[in-house]
Amino acid sequence: MRKMLLYFAIPALAGGAVMTAATATDSRPGPLAREQARVASDLARLTPRPDVDCIDTRRNDGSLRAVGRQLIYRQNRNKIFVSNTAGGCEGVARGDVLVTRQFGTRLCRGDIAQTVDRTVGFPTGSCAIGRFTPYTKR
């Protein structure tokens, strides 16, 4: 029995060491870092405006994403709204879906955004939406 355990344990340990070495040399940024860099470059070409409490979401081309502790609503290429949250919606970085419940056409400060597991559909986190900072073309 002991020989059998050693027979399986040694390759497993060696495989773990190889995987650790391979991961240690991988210096590519993760999905969150890539998305943060993309948002930063998009915001660098736009001008921040005074904060607003609500945004109109009737436009079909808008998209809402969570990036770290921020919710990013892209209305179009030249208009982006950023809302800082207290956290809780970071599950989107691992592939969860961001769900908001709106009772009208506006997304407002204090509304709740929830992350839901993509495969099973159960909630994995939630965050309260803060004030929106609009960024528009200069």
N, C-alpha and C. Protein backbone atom coordinates (compact mmCIF):
# COMPACT_ATOMS: atom_id res chain seq x y z
N MET A 1 0.82 -1.20 0.00
CA MET A 1 0.00 0.00 0.00
C MET A 1 0.86 1.26 0.00
N ARG A 2 1.96 1.23 0.83
CA ARG A 2 2.84 2.40 0.88
C ARG A 2 3.51 2.64 -0.46
N LYS A 3 3.94 1.55 -1.09
CA LYS A 3 4.59 1.70 -2.39
C LYS A 3 3.63 2.31 -3.40
N MET A 4 2.38 1.93 -3.27
CA MET A 4 1.36 2.45 -4.18
C MET A 4 1.16 3.95 -3.96
N LEU A 5 1.13 4.38 -2.69
CA LEU A 5 0.99 5.81 -2.40
C LEU A 5 2.18 6.59 -2.93
N LEU A 6 3.39 6.06 -2.72
CA LEU A 6 4.59 6.74 -3.23
C LEU A 6 4.57 6.78 -4.76
N TYR A 7 4.05 5.72 -5.36
CA TYR A 7 3.97 5.65 -6.81
C TYR A 7 3.15 6.81 -7.38
N PHE A 8 2.08 7.19 -6.68
CA PHE A 8 1.24 8.30 -7.13
C PHE A 8 1.69 9.65 -6.60
N ALA A 9 2.28 9.67 -5.41
CA ALA A 9 2.63 10.93 -4.76
C ALA A 9 3.81 11.62 -5.44
N ILE A 10 4.82 10.86 -5.81
CA ILE A 10 6.03 11.47 -6.38
C ILE A 10 5.73 12.19 -7.70
N PRO A 11 5.04 11.57 -8.66
CA PRO A 11 4.71 12.32 -9.89
C PRO A 11 3.82 13.53 -9.63
N ALA A 12 2.92 13.41 -8.67
CA ALA A 12 2.04 14.55 -8.36
C ALA A 12 2.85 15.72 -7.82
N LEU A 13 3.79 15.43 -6.92
CA LEU A 13 4.63 16.50 -6.38
C LEU A 13 5.51 17.11 -7.46
N ALA A 14 6.06 16.27 -8.32
CA ALA A 14 6.91 16.79 -9.39
C ALA A 14 6.09 17.65 -10.35
N GLY A 15 4.90 17.21 -10.66
CA GLY A 15 4.03 18.01 -11.54
C GLY A 15 3.69 19.34 -10.92
N GLY A 16 3.46 19.37 -9.62
CA GLY A 16 3.17 20.63 -8.92
C GLY A 16 4.35 21.57 -8.97
N ALA A 17 5.56 21.02 -8.84
CA ALA A 17 6.76 21.86 -8.90
C ALA A 17 6.92 22.46 -10.29
N VAL A 18 6.64 21.67 -11.31
CA VAL A 18 6.76 22.17 -12.68
C VAL A 18 5.72 23.26 -12.92
N MET A 19 4.50 23.05 -12.46
CA MET A 19 3.46 24.06 -12.64
C MET A 19 3.81 25.35 -11.91
N THR A 20 4.38 25.23 -10.70
CA THR A 20 4.75 26.42 -9.95
C THR A 20 5.85 27.18 -10.68
N ALA A 21 6.83 26.47 -11.22
CA ALA A 21 7.90 27.13 -11.95
C ALA A 21 7.36 27.81 -13.20
N ALA A 22 6.45 27.15 -13.88
CA ALA A 22 5.88 27.75 -15.10
C ALA A 22 5.07 28.99 -14.78
N THR A 23 4.34 28.96 -13.67
CA THR A 23 3.52 30.12 -13.32
C THR A 23 4.39 31.26 -12.82
N ALA A 24 5.48 30.95 -12.17
CA ALA A 24 6.35 32.00 -11.63
C ALA A 24 7.01 32.79 -12.76
N THR A 25 7.29 32.14 -13.90
CA THR A 25 7.95 32.85 -14.99
C THR A 25 6.96 33.59 -15.87
N ASP A 26 5.67 33.35 -15.70
CA ASP A 26 4.65 34.01 -16.51
C ASP A 26 4.44 35.43 -15.98
N SER A 27 4.94 36.42 -16.71
CA SER A 27 4.85 37.81 -16.24
C SER A 27 3.77 38.61 -16.96
N ARG A 28 2.92 37.92 -17.72
CA ARG A 28 1.85 38.63 -18.42
C ARG A 28 0.84 39.15 -17.41
N PRO A 29 0.29 40.33 -17.65
CA PRO A 29 -0.73 40.85 -16.72
C PRO A 29 -2.01 40.03 -16.81
N GLY A 30 -2.70 39.94 -15.68
CA GLY A 30 -3.96 39.21 -15.63
C GLY A 30 -5.08 40.00 -16.28
N PRO A 31 -6.28 39.42 -16.33
CA PRO A 31 -7.39 40.10 -16.99
C PRO A 31 -7.77 41.41 -16.31
N LEU A 32 -7.69 41.47 -14.98
CA LEU A 32 -8.04 42.70 -14.27
C LEU A 32 -7.05 43.81 -14.60
N ALA A 33 -5.75 43.49 -14.61
CA ALA A 33 -4.74 44.49 -14.93
C ALA A 33 -4.88 44.99 -16.36
N ARG A 34 -5.20 44.07 -17.28
CA ARG A 34 -5.39 44.49 -18.69
C ARG A 34 -6.60 45.41 -18.82
N GLU A 35 -7.69 45.06 -18.13
CA GLU A 35 -8.90 45.89 -18.21
C GLU A 35 -8.66 47.26 -17.57
N GLN A 36 -7.94 47.29 -16.43
CA GLN A 36 -7.63 48.56 -15.78
C GLN A 36 -6.77 49.43 -16.69
N ALA A 37 -5.81 48.83 -17.37
CA ALA A 37 -4.96 49.59 -18.30
C ALA A 37 -5.79 50.13 -19.46
N ARG A 38 -6.72 49.33 -19.95
CA ARG A 38 -7.58 49.78 -21.06
C ARG A 38 -8.46 50.95 -20.63
N VAL A 39 -9.04 50.86 -19.44
CA VAL A 39 -9.88 51.95 -18.93
C VAL A 39 -9.04 53.20 -18.73
N ALA A 40 -7.84 53.05 -18.16
CA ALA A 40 -6.97 54.20 -17.93
C ALA A 40 -6.61 54.90 -19.24
N SER A 41 -6.31 54.12 -20.29
CA SER A 41 -5.96 54.76 -21.56
C SER A 41 -7.18 55.43 -22.20
N ASP A 42 -8.36 54.82 -22.04
CA ASP A 42 -9.58 55.46 -22.57
C ASP A 42 -9.89 56.76 -21.84
N LEU A 43 -9.74 56.76 -20.51
CA LEU A 43 -10.04 57.96 -19.73
C LEU A 43 -8.99 59.05 -19.93
N ALA A 44 -7.76 58.68 -20.29
CA ALA A 44 -6.70 59.67 -20.49
C ALA A 44 -7.02 60.61 -21.66
N ARG A 45 -7.76 60.14 -22.64
CA ARG A 45 -8.09 60.98 -23.80
C ARG A 45 -9.39 61.75 -23.60
N LEU A 46 -10.06 61.56 -22.47
CA LEU A 46 -11.33 62.24 -22.20
C LEU A 46 -11.19 63.20 -21.02
N THR A 47 -12.11 64.14 -20.91
CA THR A 47 -12.09 65.15 -19.85
C THR A 47 -13.17 64.83 -18.81
N PRO A 48 -12.79 64.80 -17.51
CA PRO A 48 -13.81 64.56 -16.48
C PRO A 48 -14.72 65.77 -16.32
N ARG A 49 -15.97 65.53 -16.08
CA ARG A 49 -16.98 66.56 -15.83
C ARG A 49 -17.47 66.43 -14.40
N PRO A 50 -18.30 67.37 -13.92
CA PRO A 50 -18.83 67.26 -12.55
C PRO A 50 -19.68 65.99 -12.37
N ASP A 51 -19.62 65.43 -11.15
CA ASP A 51 -20.35 64.20 -10.84
C ASP A 51 -21.86 64.38 -10.99
N VAL A 52 -22.52 63.29 -11.35
CA VAL A 52 -23.98 63.27 -11.44
C VAL A 52 -24.49 62.07 -10.64
N ASP A 53 -25.75 62.16 -10.18
CA ASP A 53 -26.33 61.08 -9.38
C ASP A 53 -26.91 59.96 -10.24
N CYS A 54 -27.41 60.28 -11.43
CA CYS A 54 -28.07 59.29 -12.29
C CYS A 54 -27.59 59.43 -13.73
N ILE A 55 -27.64 58.33 -14.45
CA ILE A 55 -27.35 58.37 -15.89
C ILE A 55 -28.50 57.70 -16.63
N ASP A 56 -28.74 58.15 -17.84
CA ASP A 56 -29.80 57.60 -18.67
C ASP A 56 -29.25 56.39 -19.43
N THR A 57 -29.90 55.26 -19.32
CA THR A 57 -29.41 54.03 -19.95
C THR A 57 -30.30 53.57 -21.11
N ARG A 58 -31.09 54.47 -21.66
CA ARG A 58 -31.96 54.09 -22.78
C ARG A 58 -31.19 53.71 -24.03
N ARG A 59 -30.01 54.23 -24.16
CA ARG A 59 -29.22 53.94 -25.36
C ARG A 59 -28.82 52.47 -25.36
N ASN A 60 -29.08 51.79 -26.46
CA ASN A 60 -28.82 50.36 -26.54
C ASN A 60 -27.34 50.02 -26.68
N ASP A 61 -26.51 50.97 -27.09
CA ASP A 61 -25.11 50.66 -27.31
C ASP A 61 -24.26 50.80 -26.05
N GLY A 62 -24.84 51.11 -24.91
CA GLY A 62 -24.09 51.25 -23.68
C GLY A 62 -23.79 49.90 -23.05
N SER A 63 -22.67 49.83 -22.31
CA SER A 63 -22.33 48.60 -21.60
C SER A 63 -21.82 48.95 -20.21
N LEU A 64 -22.20 48.15 -19.23
CA LEU A 64 -21.79 48.35 -17.84
C LEU A 64 -20.86 47.22 -17.45
N ARG A 65 -19.67 47.57 -16.95
CA ARG A 65 -18.68 46.58 -16.52
C ARG A 65 -18.12 46.97 -15.17
N ALA A 66 -17.71 45.99 -14.42
CA ALA A 66 -17.01 46.23 -13.16
C ALA A 66 -15.53 46.01 -13.41
N VAL A 67 -14.72 46.98 -13.01
CA VAL A 67 -13.27 46.89 -13.13
C VAL A 67 -12.71 47.24 -11.76
N GLY A 68 -12.28 46.23 -11.02
CA GLY A 68 -11.85 46.47 -9.65
C GLY A 68 -13.02 46.96 -8.82
N ARG A 69 -12.87 48.12 -8.19
CA ARG A 69 -13.94 48.70 -7.38
C ARG A 69 -14.72 49.77 -8.14
N GLN A 70 -14.54 49.83 -9.42
CA GLN A 70 -15.24 50.83 -10.22
C GLN A 70 -16.23 50.15 -11.16
N LEU A 71 -17.35 50.83 -11.38
CA LEU A 71 -18.29 50.41 -12.42
C LEU A 71 -18.12 51.37 -13.59
N ILE A 72 -17.91 50.83 -14.76
CA ILE A 72 -17.66 51.63 -15.95
C ILE A 72 -18.84 51.46 -16.90
N TYR A 73 -19.51 52.56 -17.22
CA TYR A 73 -20.61 52.54 -18.18
C TYR A 73 -20.14 53.29 -19.42
N ARG A 74 -19.98 52.56 -20.51
CA ARG A 74 -19.54 53.16 -21.77
C ARG A 74 -20.78 53.44 -22.61
N GLN A 75 -21.11 54.72 -22.71
CA GLN A 75 -22.27 55.07 -23.53
C GLN A 75 -21.90 55.01 -25.01
N ASN A 76 -20.72 55.49 -25.32
CA ASN A 76 -20.16 55.38 -26.67
C ASN A 76 -18.66 55.63 -26.54
N ARG A 77 -17.99 55.75 -27.66
CA ARG A 77 -16.53 55.91 -27.64
C ARG A 77 -16.09 57.20 -26.95
N ASN A 78 -16.92 58.23 -27.01
CA ASN A 78 -16.54 59.53 -26.49
C ASN A 78 -17.24 59.91 -25.19
N LYS A 79 -17.97 58.99 -24.58
CA LYS A 79 -18.64 59.30 -23.32
C LYS A 79 -18.63 58.06 -22.42
N ILE A 80 -17.91 58.18 -21.30
CA ILE A 80 -17.77 57.09 -20.35
C ILE A 80 -18.12 57.62 -18.97
N PHE A 81 -18.90 56.86 -18.21
CA PHE A 81 -19.24 57.21 -16.83
C PHE A 81 -18.53 56.24 -15.90
N VAL A 82 -17.93 56.77 -14.82
CA VAL A 82 -17.22 55.95 -13.84
C VAL A 82 -17.87 56.15 -12.48
N SER A 83 -18.21 55.04 -11.83
CA SER A 83 -18.79 55.08 -10.49
C SER A 83 -17.91 54.29 -9.54
N ASN A 84 -17.45 54.91 -8.47
CA ASN A 84 -16.65 54.21 -7.46
C ASN A 84 -17.59 53.55 -6.47
N THR A 85 -17.30 52.30 -6.13
CA THR A 85 -18.11 51.55 -5.17
C THR A 85 -17.26 51.21 -3.96
N ALA A 86 -17.89 50.66 -2.94
CA ALA A 86 -17.16 50.20 -1.76
C ALA A 86 -16.64 48.78 -1.96
N GLY A 87 -16.82 48.23 -3.14
CA GLY A 87 -16.37 46.87 -3.44
C GLY A 87 -17.51 45.88 -3.36
N GLY A 88 -17.23 44.67 -3.81
CA GLY A 88 -18.21 43.61 -3.80
C GLY A 88 -18.55 43.08 -5.17
N CYS A 89 -18.18 43.82 -6.22
CA CYS A 89 -18.49 43.38 -7.59
C CYS A 89 -17.24 42.91 -8.33
N GLU A 90 -16.20 42.56 -7.60
CA GLU A 90 -14.95 42.15 -8.24
C GLU A 90 -15.05 40.80 -8.92
N GLY A 91 -16.13 40.04 -8.68
CA GLY A 91 -16.30 38.73 -9.30
C GLY A 91 -16.36 38.77 -10.81
N VAL A 92 -16.61 39.93 -11.37
CA VAL A 92 -16.67 40.07 -12.83
C VAL A 92 -15.31 39.76 -13.44
N ALA A 93 -14.23 40.03 -12.71
CA ALA A 93 -12.89 39.77 -13.23
C ALA A 93 -12.67 38.27 -13.46
N ARG A 94 -13.36 37.41 -12.74
CA ARG A 94 -13.19 35.96 -12.93
C ARG A 94 -14.26 35.37 -13.85
N GLY A 95 -15.09 36.22 -14.45
CA GLY A 95 -16.05 35.75 -15.42
C GLY A 95 -17.50 35.81 -14.99
N ASP A 96 -17.78 36.33 -13.80
CA ASP A 96 -19.18 36.46 -13.37
C ASP A 96 -19.89 37.52 -14.21
N VAL A 97 -21.20 37.48 -14.20
CA VAL A 97 -22.02 38.42 -14.96
C VAL A 97 -22.50 39.53 -14.02
N LEU A 98 -22.49 40.76 -14.50
CA LEU A 98 -22.97 41.90 -13.71
C LEU A 98 -24.44 42.15 -14.05
N VAL A 99 -25.28 42.17 -13.01
CA VAL A 99 -26.72 42.33 -13.19
C VAL A 99 -27.19 43.54 -12.39
N THR A 100 -27.96 44.42 -13.03
CA THR A 100 -28.58 45.54 -12.31
C THR A 100 -30.08 45.44 -12.47
N ARG A 101 -30.79 45.88 -11.45
CA ARG A 101 -32.25 45.92 -11.52
C ARG A 101 -32.65 47.39 -11.56
N GLN A 102 -33.20 47.79 -12.68
CA GLN A 102 -33.61 49.18 -12.86
C GLN A 102 -35.12 49.27 -12.89
N PHE A 103 -35.63 50.30 -12.28
CA PHE A 103 -37.06 50.55 -12.27
C PHE A 103 -37.34 51.80 -13.09
N GLY A 104 -36.90 51.80 -14.31
CA GLY A 104 -37.02 52.93 -15.20
C GLY A 104 -35.84 52.92 -16.15
N THR A 105 -35.56 54.06 -16.75
CA THR A 105 -34.48 54.13 -17.73
C THR A 105 -33.21 54.71 -17.17
N ARG A 106 -33.18 54.96 -15.86
CA ARG A 106 -32.01 55.60 -15.27
C ARG A 106 -31.34 54.66 -14.27
N LEU A 107 -30.02 54.72 -14.25
CA LEU A 107 -29.21 54.01 -13.27
C LEU A 107 -28.71 55.07 -12.30
N CYS A 108 -29.02 54.92 -11.01
CA CYS A 108 -28.76 56.00 -10.05
C CYS A 108 -27.87 55.56 -8.90
N ARG A 109 -27.31 56.56 -8.23
CA ARG A 109 -26.52 56.33 -7.02
C ARG A 109 -27.41 55.62 -6.01
N GLY A 110 -26.87 54.59 -5.37
CA GLY A 110 -27.63 53.82 -4.39
C GLY A 110 -28.26 52.57 -4.96
N ASP A 111 -28.39 52.47 -6.30
CA ASP A 111 -28.89 51.24 -6.90
C ASP A 111 -27.87 50.12 -6.63
N ILE A 112 -28.36 48.89 -6.64
CA ILE A 112 -27.50 47.75 -6.34
C ILE A 112 -27.15 47.01 -7.64
N ALA A 113 -25.87 46.75 -7.81
CA ALA A 113 -25.40 45.89 -8.90
C ALA A 113 -24.99 44.57 -8.25
N GLN A 114 -25.31 43.47 -8.90
CA GLN A 114 -25.04 42.16 -8.33
C GLN A 114 -24.24 41.34 -9.33
N THR A 115 -23.29 40.55 -8.82
CA THR A 115 -22.56 39.63 -9.68
C THR A 115 -23.17 38.24 -9.52
N VAL A 116 -23.29 37.55 -10.65
CA VAL A 116 -23.92 36.23 -10.68
C VAL A 116 -22.99 35.27 -11.41
N ASP A 117 -22.81 34.08 -10.84
CA ASP A 117 -21.99 33.06 -11.48
C ASP A 117 -22.58 32.70 -12.84
N ARG A 118 -21.73 32.69 -13.85
CA ARG A 118 -22.18 32.49 -15.23
C ARG A 118 -22.73 31.08 -15.47
N THR A 119 -22.18 30.08 -14.82
CA THR A 119 -22.59 28.71 -15.12
C THR A 119 -23.77 28.24 -14.27
N VAL A 120 -23.77 28.55 -12.98
CA VAL A 120 -24.83 28.04 -12.10
C VAL A 120 -25.92 29.06 -11.85
N GLY A 121 -25.60 30.34 -11.97
CA GLY A 121 -26.62 31.38 -11.81
C GLY A 121 -26.86 31.85 -10.39
N PHE A 122 -25.98 31.48 -9.44
CA PHE A 122 -26.20 31.98 -8.09
C PHE A 122 -25.41 33.27 -7.86
N PRO A 123 -25.90 34.15 -6.97
CA PRO A 123 -25.23 35.43 -6.71
C PRO A 123 -23.89 35.21 -6.02
N THR A 124 -22.89 35.98 -6.43
CA THR A 124 -21.56 35.87 -5.84
C THR A 124 -21.11 37.16 -5.16
N GLY A 125 -21.83 38.24 -5.30
CA GLY A 125 -21.46 39.50 -4.67
C GLY A 125 -22.40 40.60 -5.10
N SER A 126 -22.28 41.74 -4.43
CA SER A 126 -23.09 42.90 -4.81
C SER A 126 -22.38 44.16 -4.37
N CYS A 127 -22.72 45.27 -5.00
CA CYS A 127 -22.13 46.55 -4.64
C CYS A 127 -23.15 47.66 -4.89
N ALA A 128 -23.07 48.69 -4.07
CA ALA A 128 -23.94 49.85 -4.24
C ALA A 128 -23.27 50.82 -5.21
N ILE A 129 -24.03 51.30 -6.15
CA ILE A 129 -23.51 52.23 -7.14
C ILE A 129 -23.35 53.61 -6.50
N GLY A 130 -22.20 54.24 -6.75
CA GLY A 130 -21.95 55.58 -6.22
C GLY A 130 -22.28 56.64 -7.26
N ARG A 131 -21.81 57.86 -7.01
CA ARG A 131 -22.01 58.95 -7.97
C ARG A 131 -21.21 58.64 -9.23
N PHE A 132 -21.71 59.10 -10.35
CA PHE A 132 -21.06 58.88 -11.64
C PHE A 132 -20.25 60.10 -12.04
N THR A 133 -19.02 59.87 -12.46
CA THR A 133 -18.19 60.93 -13.03
C THR A 133 -18.21 60.75 -14.54
N PRO A 134 -18.81 61.69 -15.27
CA PRO A 134 -18.82 61.57 -16.73
C PRO A 134 -17.48 62.01 -17.32
N TYR A 135 -16.99 61.26 -18.28
CA TYR A 135 -15.79 61.62 -19.03
C TYR A 135 -16.24 61.78 -20.47
N THR A 136 -15.98 62.96 -21.04
CA THR A 136 -16.40 63.24 -22.41
C THR A 136 -15.21 63.71 -23.25
N LYS A 137 -15.42 63.71 -24.55
CA LYS A 137 -14.36 64.14 -25.46
C LYS A 137 -14.01 65.60 -25.21
N ARG A 138 -12.74 65.92 -25.30
CA ARG A 138 -12.24 67.27 -25.03
C ARG A 138 -12.72 68.27 -26.02
